[in-house]
N, C-alpha and C. Protein backbone atom coordinates (compact mmCIF):
# COMPACT_ATOMS: atom_id res chain seq x y z
N UNK A 1 -12.70 34.31 20.74
CA UNK A 1 -13.32 33.90 22.28
C UNK A 1 -14.03 35.46 22.48
N UNK A 2 -13.71 36.51 22.10
CA UNK A 2 -14.37 37.92 22.55
C UNK A 2 -15.71 38.10 21.90
N UNK A 3 -15.68 37.84 20.50
CA UNK A 3 -16.79 37.73 19.73
C UNK A 3 -18.04 36.72 20.28
N UNK A 4 -17.35 35.91 20.99
CA UNK A 4 -18.59 34.72 21.19
C UNK A 4 -19.59 35.36 23.13
N UNK A 5 -18.17 36.28 23.67
CA UNK A 5 -18.83 36.77 24.68
C UNK A 5 -19.73 37.62 24.18
N UNK A 6 -19.38 38.59 23.14
CA UNK A 6 -20.12 39.59 22.88
C UNK A 6 -21.55 38.89 22.69
N UNK A 7 -21.63 38.09 21.62
CA UNK A 7 -23.14 37.53 21.03
C UNK A 7 -23.69 36.36 22.57
N UNK A 8 -22.83 36.25 23.03
CA UNK A 8 -24.05 35.46 24.20
C UNK A 8 -24.48 36.35 25.43
N UNK A 9 -24.11 37.82 25.25
CA UNK A 9 -23.87 38.36 25.92
C UNK A 9 -25.66 39.10 25.68
N UNK A 10 -25.53 39.50 24.30
CA UNK A 10 -26.42 40.39 23.64
C UNK A 10 -27.78 39.23 23.23
N UNK A 11 -27.41 37.86 23.39
CA UNK A 11 -28.87 37.03 23.74
C UNK A 11 -29.16 37.14 25.40
N UNK A 12 -28.11 37.07 25.97
CA UNK A 12 -29.35 37.53 27.42
C UNK A 12 -29.46 38.71 27.52
N UNK A 13 -28.88 39.40 26.82
CA UNK A 13 -29.75 41.44 27.13
C UNK A 13 -30.93 41.03 26.47
N UNK A 14 -31.40 40.36 25.42
CA UNK A 14 -32.15 40.54 24.17
C UNK A 14 -33.78 39.32 24.90
N UNK A 15 -33.14 38.25 25.71
CA UNK A 15 -33.89 37.71 26.22
C UNK A 15 -34.29 37.92 27.65
N UNK A 16 -33.74 38.25 28.37
CA UNK A 16 -34.28 39.05 29.86
C UNK A 16 -36.00 39.74 29.78
N UNK A 17 -35.59 40.87 28.80
CA UNK A 17 -36.82 41.64 28.99
C UNK A 17 -38.23 40.46 28.11
N UNK A 18 -37.81 40.23 27.35
CA UNK A 18 -38.78 39.18 26.93
C UNK A 18 -39.65 37.78 27.93
N UNK A 19 -37.98 37.52 28.82
CA UNK A 19 -38.62 36.06 29.15
C UNK A 19 -39.42 36.70 30.86
N UNK A 20 -39.32 38.05 31.12
CA UNK A 20 -39.52 38.50 32.22
C UNK A 20 -41.38 38.53 32.66
N UNK A 21 -41.50 39.27 31.42
CA UNK A 21 -43.12 39.44 31.33
C UNK A 21 -43.65 38.05 31.50
N UNK A 22 -43.00 37.42 30.50
CA UNK A 22 -44.51 35.74 30.45
C UNK A 22 -43.75 35.02 32.31
N UNK A 23 -42.80 35.27 32.66
CA UNK A 23 -42.84 34.50 34.11
C UNK A 23 -43.41 35.21 35.42
N UNK A 24 -43.74 36.45 35.17
CA UNK A 24 -44.16 36.97 36.81
C UNK A 24 -45.39 37.68 36.08
N UNK A 25 -45.62 37.66 35.10
CA UNK A 25 -47.01 38.72 34.62
C UNK A 25 -48.05 37.97 34.37
N UNK A 26 -49.29 37.44 34.76
CA UNK A 26 -50.64 36.68 33.89
C UNK A 26 -51.21 37.81 33.50
N UNK A 27 -51.10 37.81 31.85
CA UNK A 27 -51.95 38.78 31.16
C UNK A 27 -53.54 38.72 31.47
N UNK A 28 -53.76 37.69 31.90
CA UNK A 28 -55.57 38.15 32.17
C UNK A 28 -55.91 38.60 33.73
N UNK A 29 -54.44 38.85 34.49
CA UNK A 29 -55.01 39.41 35.61
C UNK A 29 -54.22 41.38 35.64
N UNK A 30 -54.11 41.70 34.46
CA UNK A 30 -53.45 42.73 34.61
C UNK A 30 -54.86 43.66 34.08
N UNK A 31 -54.86 44.70 34.70
CA UNK A 31 -56.02 45.99 34.61
C UNK A 31 -56.18 46.14 32.98
N UNK A 32 -57.79 46.53 32.72
CA UNK A 32 -58.01 46.73 31.38
C UNK A 32 -57.20 48.09 30.37
N UNK A 33 -56.61 48.88 31.52
CA UNK A 33 -56.12 49.81 30.57
C UNK A 33 -54.84 49.29 30.31
N UNK A 34 -54.64 48.79 31.13
CA UNK A 34 -52.93 48.25 30.77
C UNK A 34 -52.92 47.48 29.85
N UNK A 35 -54.00 46.54 29.56
CA UNK A 35 -54.19 45.56 28.31
C UNK A 35 -54.24 46.41 27.36
N UNK A 36 -54.70 47.82 27.51
CA UNK A 36 -54.78 48.41 25.85
C UNK A 36 -53.91 48.96 25.75
N UNK A 37 -53.30 49.47 26.79
CA UNK A 37 -51.98 50.28 26.00
C UNK A 37 -51.41 49.34 25.71
N UNK A 38 -50.66 48.15 26.44
CA UNK A 38 -49.90 47.18 25.65
C UNK A 38 -50.23 46.65 24.33
N UNK A 39 -51.76 46.97 24.36
CA UNK A 39 -51.63 45.99 22.36
C UNK A 39 -51.19 47.11 21.37
N UNK A 40 -51.10 48.84 21.90
CA UNK A 40 -50.83 49.64 20.76
C UNK A 40 -49.18 49.97 20.83
N UNK A 41 -48.24 49.20 21.83
CA UNK A 41 -47.10 49.07 21.72
C UNK A 41 -46.30 48.84 20.50
N UNK A 42 -46.87 47.79 19.91
CA UNK A 42 -46.51 47.52 18.44
C UNK A 42 -46.40 48.75 17.39
N UNK A 43 -47.65 49.19 17.19
CA UNK A 43 -48.10 50.64 16.47
C UNK A 43 -46.88 51.50 16.69
N UNK A 44 -46.89 51.88 17.93
CA UNK A 44 -46.01 53.23 18.64
C UNK A 44 -44.73 53.27 18.15
N UNK A 45 -44.17 51.71 18.63
CA UNK A 45 -42.56 50.94 17.55
C UNK A 45 -42.58 51.23 16.60
N UNK A 46 -43.31 50.73 16.22
CA UNK A 46 -43.26 51.12 14.33
C UNK A 46 -43.43 52.17 13.95
N UNK A 47 -44.04 52.86 14.40
CA UNK A 47 -44.62 54.53 13.92
C UNK A 47 -42.94 55.15 14.06
N UNK A 48 -42.38 54.79 15.05
CA UNK A 48 -41.13 55.40 15.61
C UNK A 48 -39.80 54.81 14.94
N UNK A 49 -40.01 53.94 14.16
CA UNK A 49 -38.82 53.40 13.47
C UNK A 49 -39.08 53.76 12.02
N UNK A 50 -40.56 54.14 11.54
CA UNK A 50 -40.80 54.62 10.32
C UNK A 50 -40.73 55.69 9.60
N UNK A 51 -41.06 56.10 10.61
CA UNK A 51 -41.26 57.66 10.36
C UNK A 51 -39.87 58.93 10.28
N UNK A 52 -38.90 58.70 11.13
CA UNK A 52 -37.34 59.05 10.87
C UNK A 52 -37.26 58.75 9.29
N UNK A 53 -37.20 57.35 8.98
CA UNK A 53 -36.96 56.80 7.70
C UNK A 53 -37.63 57.38 6.33
N UNK A 54 -38.95 57.84 6.66
CA UNK A 54 -39.47 58.65 5.55
C UNK A 54 -39.16 59.81 5.18
N UNK A 55 -38.26 60.63 6.64
CA UNK A 55 -38.22 62.14 6.07
C UNK A 55 -36.80 62.03 5.56
N UNK A 56 -36.24 60.93 5.37
CA UNK A 56 -34.64 60.87 4.77
C UNK A 56 -34.73 60.21 3.28
N UNK A 57 -36.12 59.61 3.06
CA UNK A 57 -35.93 58.56 2.40
C UNK A 57 -35.76 59.25 0.80
N UNK A 58 -35.69 60.43 0.58
CA UNK A 58 -35.20 61.55 -0.71
C UNK A 58 -34.74 62.42 -0.09
N UNK A 59 -34.30 63.21 -1.57
CA UNK A 59 -33.34 64.47 -1.53
C UNK A 59 -34.42 65.87 -1.05
N UNK A 60 -35.44 65.44 -1.51
CA UNK A 60 -36.31 67.07 -0.84
C UNK A 60 -37.18 66.38 0.19
N UNK A 61 -37.51 66.95 1.28
CA UNK A 61 -38.20 66.19 2.42
C UNK A 61 -39.49 66.45 2.63
N UNK A 62 -40.07 67.01 1.54
CA UNK A 62 -41.68 67.76 1.01
C UNK A 62 -41.88 66.56 0.04
N UNK A 63 -41.09 65.90 -0.40
CA UNK A 63 -41.41 64.25 -1.17
C UNK A 63 -41.93 63.73 -0.03
N UNK A 64 -40.88 63.35 0.42
CA UNK A 64 -41.11 62.36 1.53
C UNK A 64 -42.11 62.22 2.30
N UNK A 65 -42.55 63.71 2.82
CA UNK A 65 -43.51 64.05 3.46
C UNK A 65 -44.97 63.40 2.71
N UNK A 66 -45.45 64.19 1.46
CA UNK A 66 -46.10 63.69 0.78
C UNK A 66 -46.54 62.25 0.57
N UNK A 67 -45.37 61.90 0.53
CA UNK A 67 -45.03 60.12 0.18
C UNK A 67 -45.95 59.30 1.54
N UNK A 68 -45.63 59.65 2.13
CA UNK A 68 -45.62 59.51 3.32
C UNK A 68 -47.13 59.15 3.60
N UNK A 69 -47.73 60.87 3.42
CA UNK A 69 -48.90 61.23 3.47
C UNK A 69 -50.05 60.26 2.75
N UNK A 70 -49.48 59.63 1.41
CA UNK A 70 -50.40 58.97 0.47
C UNK A 70 -50.31 57.52 0.96
N UNK A 71 -49.24 57.38 1.71
CA UNK A 71 -48.90 56.04 2.45
C UNK A 71 -49.94 55.74 3.05
N UNK A 72 -50.37 56.71 4.39
CA UNK A 72 -50.89 56.50 5.79
C UNK A 72 -52.46 56.63 4.78
N UNK A 73 -52.94 57.55 3.91
CA UNK A 73 -54.09 57.27 3.64
C UNK A 73 -54.39 56.08 2.82
N UNK A 74 -53.48 55.40 2.25
CA UNK A 74 -53.98 54.05 1.41
C UNK A 74 -53.74 52.96 2.69
N UNK A 75 -53.04 53.01 3.75
CA UNK A 75 -53.20 52.14 4.67
C UNK A 75 -54.24 52.08 6.21
N UNK A 76 -55.11 53.33 5.71
CA UNK A 76 -56.02 53.81 6.75
C UNK A 76 -57.26 53.17 6.04
N UNK A 77 -57.55 53.01 5.14
CA UNK A 77 -58.53 52.81 4.03
C UNK A 77 -58.67 51.48 3.90
N UNK A 78 -57.24 50.84 4.73
CA UNK A 78 -57.22 49.05 4.84
C UNK A 78 -56.35 48.10 3.65
N UNK A 79 -55.80 49.04 2.67
CA UNK A 79 -55.01 48.71 1.30
C UNK A 79 -53.45 47.47 2.27
N UNK A 80 -53.40 46.50 1.26
CA UNK A 80 -52.36 45.65 1.98
C UNK A 80 -50.76 46.80 1.50
N UNK A 81 -50.07 46.03 2.43
CA UNK A 81 -48.58 46.77 2.30
C UNK A 81 -48.32 46.90 0.80
N UNK A 82 -48.35 45.66 0.27
CA UNK A 82 -47.43 46.15 -0.87
C UNK A 82 -48.28 47.46 -1.70
N UNK A 83 -49.56 47.42 -1.66
CA UNK A 83 -50.21 48.90 -2.45
C UNK A 83 -49.90 49.85 -1.63
N UNK A 84 -49.58 50.02 -0.74
CA UNK A 84 -49.46 51.34 0.13
C UNK A 84 -47.72 51.47 -0.15
N UNK A 85 -46.81 50.23 -0.21
CA UNK A 85 -45.19 50.76 -0.61
C UNK A 85 -45.25 51.38 -1.92
N UNK A 86 -46.15 50.55 -3.17
CA UNK A 86 -46.01 50.98 -4.12
C UNK A 86 -46.93 52.33 -4.54
N UNK A 87 -47.99 52.46 -3.46
CA UNK A 87 -48.54 53.80 -4.00
C UNK A 87 -47.68 55.28 -3.32
N UNK A 88 -46.52 54.77 -2.52
CA UNK A 88 -45.54 55.56 -1.71
C UNK A 88 -44.85 55.82 -2.95
N UNK A 89 -44.47 54.90 -3.83
CA UNK A 89 -42.93 54.95 -4.31
C UNK A 89 -43.43 55.78 -5.71
N UNK A 90 -44.57 55.41 -6.31
CA UNK A 90 -45.85 55.72 -7.36
C UNK A 90 -45.55 57.87 -7.46
N UNK A 91 -45.64 58.07 -6.15
CA UNK A 91 -45.85 59.56 -5.36
C UNK A 91 -44.49 59.45 -5.73
N UNK A 92 -43.29 59.91 -4.98
CA UNK A 92 -42.06 60.11 -4.91
C UNK A 92 -41.68 60.03 -6.70
N UNK A 93 -42.19 58.98 -7.43
CA UNK A 93 -41.95 59.32 -8.95
C UNK A 93 -42.55 60.25 -9.66
N UNK A 94 -43.55 60.12 -9.39
CA UNK A 94 -44.54 61.21 -10.32
C UNK A 94 -44.16 62.61 -9.86
N UNK A 95 -43.58 62.96 -8.58
CA UNK A 95 -42.89 64.23 -8.00
C UNK A 95 -41.76 64.58 -8.31
N UNK A 96 -41.30 63.48 -9.10
CA UNK A 96 -39.91 63.68 -9.06
C UNK A 96 -39.68 64.36 -10.68
N UNK A 97 -41.07 63.77 -11.46
CA UNK A 97 -40.94 63.89 -12.91
C UNK A 97 -41.56 65.46 -13.13
N UNK A 98 -42.14 65.94 -12.23
CA UNK A 98 -42.86 66.96 -11.94
C UNK A 98 -41.84 68.53 -12.25
């Protein structure tokens, strides 16, 4: 019983922040600067989730930072996600062998 209460409570708490903007705000009525800011939120959240993981991905932080830079360069030039991941893995592998 207690587990079901936790699951239902977590579902409600997750649902409310997603439902409120859809019910109370019309995206066409938001000011242009607010719309531009909201478009960048997913990228900021993704960066905040990924960056700490990069720093602890290897025993040597400088290897992790180097691989993160390589991944950033590949991503900047439009490589696919698979290529970005492979490039960063190969970078760590090469640095480990050196």
